[in-house]
């Protein structure tokens, strides 16, 4: 599906187009994915599984493994920059990001909690929101396209920012 997103406008993504690309019948696709929404859900889940397969169920924790995670995740996303760019502003692309957002929020909350952040506090909630923005594909595109950074340098910048904010948030919380 990423290949189709790179070649066509995401709004034109269709089950017949996916079937043609997969070299199978439309009926076969519909047998596994009864609706376009089910196909999008499966695509979002496959991206999540691919990104997390090497991490397992470990929390992504600032100061522990966030840097490795960011480098790996953004390297994988960078392999499909045309699809990422094409999907960024389309309804289909927004829908795919929305389908992944609950998992991303849970992962970020678990990682910040493991780093000592009280995510129920106002500061913890702010940090959670900022961490989600900083680790988004939109931020990757801004850094690669506008700032001309490599995905690795962009990941390092985001890791530094989140780890610095995490340290400030845990320090502020411990003095209250």
Foldseek 3Di string as FASTA:
>chain_A
DLVCLLVDQLVPDDLCVVCVVVVHHSVVSCVVQVDVLSVLLVVLVVLVCVLCVVVPPDACAQVPHQLVSQLSSLVVVVVRVSSLVSLVPDPSSVSSCVSCVVVLLVSLLVRLVVLPAPCVDPLNVVLSVVLPVLSDVVVLCCCCPVVVDDSSVSSVVSSVVSNVSSVVRNVVVVVD
